[in-house]
């Protein structure tokens, strides 16, 4: 229930912003959760505003498998939880392959203000093209709030990230992403075209500014009340011990 509550909190804050023309795709890890999300989304809202949310079932990404009707509940940082996190790249790529630029948001991200103007200002920069935007976490990009351009280079990078996750320690999610990204930015990655030819292409990535997109540690421990007023999106992590 704790993770479902995080998603509900995400939805409440997101719908308060009434952002037009921004569809939301929610991925449910099992059929019970999928049904519960559909029931929630069908309920009337106190504000009267309803976001355009599509709840994706498990078989949107994976073949239907025995046991997907109800997965065992996991606590944060248990191995089952970490294994669930390894599905993230495949979900992202299915949507990128549909030609959609993606803002990926973990359920513990809180949208305080509409961030689209800032994201679009950077993302639509043509020279150089920015392929990936992400929240800064100790000098690396945190995939928990990140933006992806729908293009062959990014799809290939996400595939490589998924491959690394499937081979390695599932407890390591962010590190494999940044390892692949570092290679793609410095040396480039092989990207196939429709004719079967392969070209090495580099990726350009940029950080979202901490003052606008802080994580929980920055927001609660390093920002003043006035600085918090300027935050657009907070990744509500690093908050063990906070009750409010």
C-alpha atoms as a PDB file:
ATOM      1  CA  UNK A   1       0.000   0.000   0.000  1.00  0.00           C
ATOM      2  CA  UNK A   2       2.885   2.359   0.639  1.00  0.00           C
ATOM      3  CA  UNK A   3       3.908   2.469  -3.014  1.00  0.00           C
ATOM      4  CA  UNK A   4       0.291   2.858  -4.113  1.00  0.00           C
ATOM      5  CA  UNK A   5       0.012   5.817  -1.729  1.00  0.00           C
ATOM      6  CA  UNK A   6       3.080   7.361  -3.357  1.00  0.00           C
ATOM      7  CA  UNK A   7       1.416   7.060  -6.759  1.00  0.00           C
ATOM      8  CA  UNK A   8      -1.805   8.556  -5.405  1.00  0.00           C
ATOM      9  CA  UNK A   9       0.176  11.469  -3.960  1.00  0.00           C
ATOM     10  CA  UNK A  10       1.905  11.889  -7.354  1.00  0.00           C
ATOM     11  CA  UNK A  11      -1.465  12.043  -9.115  1.00  0.00           C
ATOM     12  CA  UNK A  12      -2.940  14.559  -6.664  1.00  0.00           C
ATOM     13  CA  UNK A  13      -0.061  17.002  -7.111  1.00  0.00           C
ATOM     14  CA  UNK A  14       0.068  16.480 -10.875  1.00  0.00           C
ATOM     15  CA  UNK A  15      -3.643  17.095 -11.365  1.00  0.00           C
ATOM     16  CA  UNK A  16      -3.515  20.270  -9.284  1.00  0.00           C
ATOM     17  CA  UNK A  17      -1.350  21.783 -12.053  1.00  0.00           C
ATOM     18  CA  UNK A  18      -3.946  21.062 -14.780  1.00  0.00           C
ATOM     19  CA  UNK A  19      -1.248  20.762 -17.458  1.00  0.00           C
ATOM     20  CA  UNK A  20      -2.926  20.524 -20.883  1.00  0.00           C
ATOM     21  CA  UNK A  21      -1.798  18.137 -23.623  1.00  0.00           C
ATOM     22  CA  UNK A  22       0.485  16.057 -21.397  1.00  0.00           C
ATOM     23  CA  UNK A  23      -0.701  12.437 -21.393  1.00  0.00           C
ATOM     24  CA  UNK A  24       0.451  10.215 -18.540  1.00  0.00           C
ATOM     25  CA  UNK A  25       1.324   6.536 -18.945  1.00  0.00           C
ATOM     26  CA  UNK A  26       1.279   4.565 -15.708  1.00  0.00           C
ATOM     27  CA  UNK A  27       2.893   1.130 -15.704  1.00  0.00           C
ATOM     28  CA  UNK A  28       1.426  -1.410 -13.282  1.00  0.00           C
ATOM     29  CA  UNK A  29       3.673  -4.286 -12.173  1.00  0.00           C
ATOM     30  CA  UNK A  30       0.862  -6.853 -11.752  1.00  0.00           C
ATOM     31  CA  UNK A  31      -2.790  -7.308 -12.643  1.00  0.00           C
ATOM     32  CA  UNK A  32      -4.122  -6.594  -9.153  1.00  0.00           C
ATOM     33  CA  UNK A  33      -2.335  -3.243  -9.096  1.00  0.00           C
ATOM     34  CA  UNK A  34      -3.488  -2.549 -12.646  1.00  0.00           C
ATOM     35  CA  UNK A  35      -7.135  -3.135 -11.680  1.00  0.00           C
ATOM     36  CA  UNK A  36      -6.754  -1.003  -8.554  1.00  0.00           C
ATOM     37  CA  UNK A  37      -5.262   1.862 -10.551  1.00  0.00           C
ATOM     38  CA  UNK A  38      -8.067   1.674 -13.119  1.00  0.00           C
ATOM     39  CA  UNK A  39     -10.639   1.829 -10.315  1.00  0.00           C
ATOM     40  CA  UNK A  40      -8.929   4.875  -8.803  1.00  0.00           C
ATOM     41  CA  UNK A  41      -8.665   6.677 -12.121  1.00  0.00           C
ATOM     42  CA  UNK A  42     -12.368   6.119 -12.769  1.00  0.00           C
ATOM     43  CA  UNK A  43     -13.377   7.943  -9.600  1.00  0.00           C
ATOM     44  CA  UNK A  44     -14.470  11.616  -9.743  1.00  0.00           C
ATOM     45  CA  UNK A  45     -11.958  14.235  -8.627  1.00  0.00           C
ATOM     46  CA  UNK A  46     -12.724  16.850  -5.977  1.00  0.00           C
ATOM     47  CA  UNK A  47     -11.255  19.546  -8.234  1.00  0.00           C
ATOM     48  CA  UNK A  48     -13.230  18.325 -11.234  1.00  0.00           C
ATOM     49  CA  UNK A  49     -10.027  18.117 -13.304  1.00  0.00           C
ATOM     50  CA  UNK A  50      -8.989  14.709 -14.599  1.00  0.00           C
ATOM     51  CA  UNK A  51      -5.547  14.139 -16.126  1.00  0.00           C
ATOM     52  CA  UNK A  52      -5.208  12.067 -19.291  1.00  0.00           C
ATOM     53  CA  UNK A  53      -3.820   8.898 -17.665  1.00  0.00           C
ATOM     54  CA  UNK A  54      -3.438   5.539 -19.402  1.00  0.00           C
ATOM     55  CA  UNK A  55      -2.674   2.640 -17.075  1.00  0.00           C
ATOM     56  CA  UNK A  56      -0.444   0.201 -18.960  1.00  0.00           C
ATOM     57  CA  UNK A  57      -0.778  -3.490 -18.092  1.00  0.00           C
ATOM     58  CA  UNK A  58       2.142  -5.862 -17.665  1.00  0.00           C
ATOM     59  CA  UNK A  59       1.757  -7.314 -21.164  1.00  0.00           C
ATOM     60  CA  UNK A  60       2.253  -3.871 -22.740  1.00  0.00           C
ATOM     61  CA  UNK A  61       5.938  -4.579 -22.196  1.00  0.00           C
ATOM     62  CA  UNK A  62       6.291  -8.258 -21.338  1.00  0.00           C
ATOM     63  CA  UNK A  63       4.546 -11.430 -22.362  1.00  0.00           C
ATOM     64  CA  UNK A  64       1.784 -12.368 -19.961  1.00  0.00           C
ATOM     65  CA  UNK A  65       3.301 -14.782 -17.471  1.00  0.00           C
ATOM     66  CA  UNK A  66       2.028 -17.032 -14.749  1.00  0.00           C
ATOM     67  CA  UNK A  67       1.936 -15.173 -11.472  1.00  0.00           C
ATOM     68  CA  UNK A  68       1.444 -11.715 -12.964  1.00  0.00           C
ATOM     69  CA  UNK A  69      -2.075 -11.726 -11.496  1.00  0.00           C
ATOM     70  CA  UNK A  70      -0.610 -10.820  -8.120  1.00  0.00           C
ATOM     71  CA  UNK A  71       3.033 -10.359  -7.278  1.00  0.00           C
ATOM     72  CA  UNK A  72       4.349 -10.593  -3.747  1.00  0.00           C
ATOM     73  CA  UNK A  73       4.517  -7.246  -1.994  1.00  0.00           C
ATOM     74  CA  UNK A  74       8.024  -5.924  -1.423  1.00  0.00           C
ATOM     75  CA  UNK A  75       9.457  -3.334   0.907  1.00  0.00           C
ATOM     76  CA  UNK A  76      11.798  -0.646  -0.342  1.00  0.00           C
ATOM     77  CA  UNK A  77      15.302  -1.973  -1.109  1.00  0.00           C
ATOM     78  CA  UNK A  78      14.337  -5.652  -0.843  1.00  0.00           C
ATOM     79  CA  UNK A  79      15.600  -7.794  -3.713  1.00  0.00           C
ATOM     80  CA  UNK A  80      12.120  -8.139  -5.214  1.00  0.00           C
ATOM     81  CA  UNK A  81      11.790  -4.358  -5.261  1.00  0.00           C
ATOM     82  CA  UNK A  82      15.174  -4.004  -6.949  1.00  0.00           C
ATOM     83  CA  UNK A  83      14.207  -6.559  -9.583  1.00  0.00           C
ATOM     84  CA  UNK A  84      11.065  -4.550 -10.355  1.00  0.00           C
ATOM     85  CA  UNK A  85      13.230  -1.483 -10.970  1.00  0.00           C
ATOM     86  CA  UNK A  86      15.053  -3.354 -13.747  1.00  0.00           C
ATOM     87  CA  UNK A  87      11.866  -3.165 -15.867  1.00  0.00           C
ATOM     88  CA  UNK A  88      12.127   0.609 -16.198  1.00  0.00           C
ATOM     89  CA  UNK A  89      14.273   0.752 -19.387  1.00  0.00           C
ATOM     90  CA  UNK A  90      11.976  -1.577 -21.304  1.00  0.00           C
ATOM     91  CA  UNK A  91       8.918   0.496 -20.396  1.00  0.00           C
ATOM     92  CA  UNK A  92      10.663   3.690 -21.504  1.00  0.00           C
ATOM     93  CA  UNK A  93      11.770   2.164 -24.799  1.00  0.00           C
ATOM     94  CA  UNK A  94       8.328   0.848 -25.716  1.00  0.00           C
ATOM     95  CA  UNK A  95       7.050   4.424 -25.581  1.00  0.00           C
ATOM     96  CA  UNK A  96      10.106   5.883 -27.334  1.00  0.00           C
ATOM     97  CA  UNK A  97       9.575   3.386 -30.152  1.00  0.00           C
ATOM     98  CA  UNK A  98       6.092   4.863 -30.577  1.00  0.00           C
ATOM     99  CA  UNK A  99       7.752   8.210 -31.349  1.00  0.00           C
ATOM    100  CA  UNK A 100       6.965   9.825 -27.998  1.00  0.00           C
ATOM    101  CA  UNK A 101       9.455  12.008 -26.155  1.00  0.00           C
ATOM    102  CA  UNK A 102       9.305  10.812 -22.545  1.00  0.00           C
ATOM    103  CA  UNK A 103       9.385  12.509 -19.152  1.00  0.00           C
ATOM    104  CA  UNK A 104      10.008   9.626 -16.771  1.00  0.00           C
ATOM    105  CA  UNK A 105       8.850  10.260 -13.210  1.00  0.00           C
ATOM    106  CA  UNK A 106       9.166   7.935 -10.234  1.00  0.00           C
ATOM    107  CA  UNK A 107       6.108   7.732  -7.972  1.00  0.00           C
ATOM    108  CA  UNK A 108       7.976   9.574  -5.193  1.00  0.00           C
ATOM    109  CA  UNK A 109       8.424  12.662  -7.372  1.00  0.00           C
ATOM    110  CA  UNK A 110       6.248  15.645  -6.422  1.00  0.00           C
ATOM    111  CA  UNK A 111       5.255  18.113  -9.147  1.00  0.00           C
ATOM    112  CA  UNK A 112       4.892  21.438  -7.322  1.00  0.00           C
ATOM    113  CA  UNK A 113       4.761  23.646 -10.424  1.00  0.00           C
ATOM    114  CA  UNK A 114       4.553  23.090 -14.167  1.00  0.00           C
ATOM    115  CA  UNK A 115       8.127  22.306 -15.339  1.00  0.00           C
ATOM    116  CA  UNK A 116       7.381  22.090 -19.065  1.00  0.00           C
ATOM    117  CA  UNK A 117       8.521  25.597 -20.018  1.00  0.00           C
ATOM    118  CA  UNK A 118      11.979  24.993 -18.581  1.00  0.00           C
ATOM    119  CA  UNK A 119      12.259  21.465 -19.991  1.00  0.00           C
ATOM    120  CA  UNK A 120      11.161  22.561 -23.450  1.00  0.00           C
ATOM    121  CA  UNK A 121      13.574  25.502 -23.445  1.00  0.00           C
ATOM    122  CA  UNK A 122      16.527  23.122 -23.033  1.00  0.00           C
ATOM    123  CA  UNK A 123      15.105  20.126 -24.875  1.00  0.00           C
ATOM    124  CA  UNK A 124      14.194  22.014 -28.030  1.00  0.00           C
ATOM    125  CA  UNK A 125      17.699  23.471 -28.336  1.00  0.00           C
ATOM    126  CA  UNK A 126      18.848  22.471 -31.812  1.00  0.00           C
ATOM    127  CA  UNK A 127      22.592  23.136 -31.539  1.00  0.00           C
ATOM    128  CA  UNK A 128      23.604  20.951 -29.872  1.00  0.00           C
ATOM    129  CA  UNK A 129      20.621  18.607 -29.721  1.00  0.00           C
ATOM    130  CA  UNK A 130      20.003  17.490 -26.143  1.00  0.00           C
ATOM    131  CA  UNK A 131      19.034  13.819 -26.090  1.00  0.00           C
ATOM    132  CA  UNK A 132      18.614  13.307 -22.337  1.00  0.00           C
ATOM    133  CA  UNK A 133      17.844  15.590 -19.399  1.00  0.00           C
ATOM    134  CA  UNK A 134      17.993  14.397 -15.833  1.00  0.00           C
ATOM    135  CA  UNK A 135      17.988  15.378 -12.204  1.00  0.00           C
ATOM    136  CA  UNK A 136      21.485  15.681 -10.758  1.00  0.00           C
ATOM    137  CA  UNK A 137      22.496  13.201  -8.065  1.00  0.00           C
ATOM    138  CA  UNK A 138      26.117  13.403  -6.873  1.00  0.00           C
ATOM    139  CA  UNK A 139      27.298  14.539 -10.278  1.00  0.00           C
ATOM    140  CA  UNK A 140      25.403  11.827 -12.168  1.00  0.00           C
ATOM    141  CA  UNK A 141      21.976  11.739 -13.815  1.00  0.00           C
ATOM    142  CA  UNK A 142      19.211  10.211 -11.724  1.00  0.00           C
ATOM    143  CA  UNK A 143      16.844   8.265 -14.018  1.00  0.00           C
ATOM    144  CA  UNK A 144      14.055   8.715 -11.450  1.00  0.00           C
ATOM    145  CA  UNK A 145      13.182  12.059 -13.039  1.00  0.00           C
ATOM    146  CA  UNK A 146      14.539  12.241 -16.552  1.00  0.00           C
ATOM    147  CA  UNK A 147      13.616  13.292 -20.077  1.00  0.00           C
ATOM    148  CA  UNK A 148      14.324  11.258 -23.226  1.00  0.00           C
ATOM    149  CA  UNK A 149      14.222  12.276 -26.877  1.00  0.00           C
ATOM    150  CA  UNK A 150      12.554   9.727 -29.165  1.00  0.00           C
ATOM    151  CA  UNK A 151      15.381   8.933 -31.578  1.00  0.00           C
ATOM    152  CA  UNK A 152      17.476   5.880 -32.541  1.00  0.00           C
ATOM    153  CA  UNK A 153      20.458   6.964 -30.430  1.00  0.00           C
ATOM    154  CA  UNK A 154      18.456   7.120 -27.219  1.00  0.00           C
ATOM    155  CA  UNK A 155      16.564   3.893 -27.955  1.00  0.00           C
ATOM    156  CA  UNK A 156      19.900   2.114 -28.452  1.00  0.00           C
ATOM    157  CA  UNK A 157      21.273   3.575 -25.219  1.00  0.00           C
ATOM    158  CA  UNK A 158      18.217   2.426 -23.260  1.00  0.00           C
ATOM    159  CA  UNK A 159      18.588  -1.053 -24.783  1.00  0.00           C
ATOM    160  CA  UNK A 160      22.204  -1.143 -23.601  1.00  0.00           C
ATOM    161  CA  UNK A 161      21.103  -0.044 -20.131  1.00  0.00           C
ATOM    162  CA  UNK A 162      18.523  -2.837 -20.045  1.00  0.00           C
ATOM    163  CA  UNK A 163      21.140  -5.379 -21.130  1.00  0.00           C
ATOM    164  CA  UNK A 164      23.498  -4.285 -18.350  1.00  0.00           C
ATOM    165  CA  UNK A 165      20.738  -4.503 -15.760  1.00  0.00           C
ATOM    166  CA  UNK A 166      19.737  -8.000 -16.859  1.00  0.00           C
ATOM    167  CA  UNK A 167      23.326  -9.242 -16.517  1.00  0.00           C
ATOM    168  CA  UNK A 168      24.405  -7.498 -13.342  1.00  0.00           C
ATOM    169  CA  UNK A 169      23.366  -6.810  -9.780  1.00  0.00           C
ATOM    170  CA  UNK A 170      19.712  -5.625  -9.743  1.00  0.00           C
ATOM    171  CA  UNK A 171      20.481  -3.506  -6.682  1.00  0.00           C
ATOM    172  CA  UNK A 172      22.554  -1.285  -8.982  1.00  0.00           C
ATOM    173  CA  UNK A 173      20.132   0.670 -11.172  1.00  0.00           C
ATOM    174  CA  UNK A 174      21.482   4.177 -11.546  1.00  0.00           C
ATOM    175  CA  UNK A 175      25.145   3.212 -11.929  1.00  0.00           C
ATOM    176  CA  UNK A 176      24.680   1.055 -15.080  1.00  0.00           C
ATOM    177  CA  UNK A 177      22.650   3.862 -16.671  1.00  0.00           C
ATOM    178  CA  UNK A 178      25.425   6.372 -16.101  1.00  0.00           C
ATOM    179  CA  UNK A 179      28.117   3.924 -17.180  1.00  0.00           C
ATOM    180  CA  UNK A 180      26.393   3.457 -20.534  1.00  0.00           C
ATOM    181  CA  UNK A 181      25.684   7.179 -20.804  1.00  0.00           C
ATOM    182  CA  UNK A 182      29.330   8.091 -20.138  1.00  0.00           C
ATOM    183  CA  UNK A 183      30.425   5.837 -23.011  1.00  0.00           C
ATOM    184  CA  UNK A 184      27.715   7.204 -25.311  1.00  0.00           C
ATOM    185  CA  UNK A 185      28.752  10.790 -24.563  1.00  0.00           C
ATOM    186  CA  UNK A 186      32.517  10.287 -24.885  1.00  0.00           C
ATOM    187  CA  UNK A 187      32.971   7.585 -27.529  1.00  0.00           C
ATOM    188  CA  UNK A 188      29.542   7.096 -29.052  1.00  0.00           C
ATOM    189  CA  UNK A 189      27.440   3.966 -29.471  1.00  0.00           C
ATOM    190  CA  UNK A 190      26.641   1.865 -32.576  1.00  0.00           C
ATOM    191  CA  UNK A 191      23.204   2.802 -33.889  1.00  0.00           C
ATOM    192  CA  UNK A 192      21.631   0.685 -36.661  1.00  0.00           C
ATOM    193  CA  UNK A 193      19.499   2.286 -39.357  1.00  0.00           C
ATOM    194  CA  UNK A 194      16.577   0.888 -41.351  1.00  0.00           C
ATOM    195  CA  UNK A 195      18.950  -0.435 -44.025  1.00  0.00           C
ATOM    196  CA  UNK A 196      20.958  -2.534 -41.614  1.00  0.00           C
ATOM    197  CA  UNK A 197      23.926  -0.161 -41.569  1.00  0.00           C
ATOM    198  CA  UNK A 198      25.489   0.909 -38.281  1.00  0.00           C
ATOM    199  CA  UNK A 199      26.833   4.352 -37.419  1.00  0.00           C
ATOM    200  CA  UNK A 200      28.595   5.360 -34.222  1.00  0.00           C
ATOM    201  CA  UNK A 201      26.767   8.322 -32.728  1.00  0.00           C
ATOM    202  CA  UNK A 202      27.300  10.339 -29.565  1.00  0.00           C
ATOM    203  CA  UNK A 203      24.654  11.284 -27.015  1.00  0.00           C
ATOM    204  CA  UNK A 204      24.311  14.744 -25.486  1.00  0.00           C
ATOM    205  CA  UNK A 205      22.939  14.920 -21.937  1.00  0.00           C
ATOM    206  CA  UNK A 206      22.335  17.785 -19.539  1.00  0.00           C
ATOM    207  CA  UNK A 207      21.435  18.234 -15.883  1.00  0.00           C
ATOM    208  CA  UNK A 208      18.216  19.805 -14.718  1.00  0.00           C
ATOM    209  CA  UNK A 209      19.198  22.595 -12.283  1.00  0.00           C
ATOM    210  CA  UNK A 210      19.130  21.643  -8.604  1.00  0.00           C
ATOM    211  CA  UNK A 211      17.398  24.854  -7.600  1.00  0.00           C
ATOM    212  CA  UNK A 212      14.402  23.939  -9.776  1.00  0.00           C
ATOM    213  CA  UNK A 213      14.568  20.130  -9.615  1.00  0.00           C
ATOM    214  CA  UNK A 214      16.045  19.225  -6.210  1.00  0.00           C
ATOM    215  CA  UNK A 215      16.135  15.825  -4.593  1.00  0.00           C
ATOM    216  CA  UNK A 216      14.839  15.349  -1.056  1.00  0.00           C
ATOM    217  CA  UNK A 217      18.218  15.930   0.584  1.00  0.00           C
ATOM    218  CA  UNK A 218      18.770  19.222  -1.230  1.00  0.00           C
ATOM    219  CA  UNK A 219      15.174  20.356  -0.722  1.00  0.00           C
ATOM    220  CA  UNK A 220      14.954  19.618   3.016  1.00  0.00           C
ATOM    221  CA  UNK A 221      18.532  20.147   4.166  1.00  0.00           C
ATOM    222  CA  UNK A 222      20.149  22.718   1.893  1.00  0.00           C
ATOM    223  CA  UNK A 223      17.430  25.044   0.602  1.00  0.00           C
ATOM    224  CA  UNK A 224      15.961  27.999   2.456  1.00  0.00           C
ATOM    225  CA  UNK A 225      12.208  28.522   2.647  1.00  0.00           C
ATOM    226  CA  UNK A 226      12.499  31.149  -0.090  1.00  0.00           C
ATOM    227  CA  UNK A 227      14.488  28.788  -2.311  1.00  0.00           C
ATOM    228  CA  UNK A 228      11.929  26.027  -1.790  1.00  0.00           C
ATOM    229  CA  UNK A 229       9.263  28.363  -3.147  1.00  0.00           C
ATOM    230  CA  UNK A 230      11.081  28.353  -6.474  1.00  0.00           C
ATOM    231  CA  UNK A 231      11.271  24.570  -6.831  1.00  0.00           C
ATOM    232  CA  UNK A 232       9.302  23.070  -9.706  1.00  0.00           C
ATOM    233  CA  UNK A 233       9.696  19.322  -9.139  1.00  0.00           C
ATOM    234  CA  UNK A 234      11.060  17.554  -6.059  1.00  0.00           C
ATOM    235  CA  UNK A 235      12.284  13.971  -6.129  1.00  0.00           C
ATOM    236  CA  UNK A 236      11.182  13.110  -2.613  1.00  0.00           C
ATOM    237  CA  UNK A 237      14.042  10.736  -1.809  1.00  0.00           C
ATOM    238  CA  UNK A 238      16.725  10.886   0.903  1.00  0.00           C
ATOM    239  CA  UNK A 239      13.934  11.570   3.433  1.00  0.00           C
ATOM    240  CA  UNK A 240      14.115   8.697   5.894  1.00  0.00           C
ATOM    241  CA  UNK A 241      13.165  10.204   9.247  1.00  0.00           C
ATOM    242  CA  UNK A 242      10.900  12.978   7.928  1.00  0.00           C
ATOM    243  CA  UNK A 243       7.261  12.728   8.966  1.00  0.00           C
ATOM    244  CA  UNK A 244       5.874  15.695   7.038  1.00  0.00           C
END
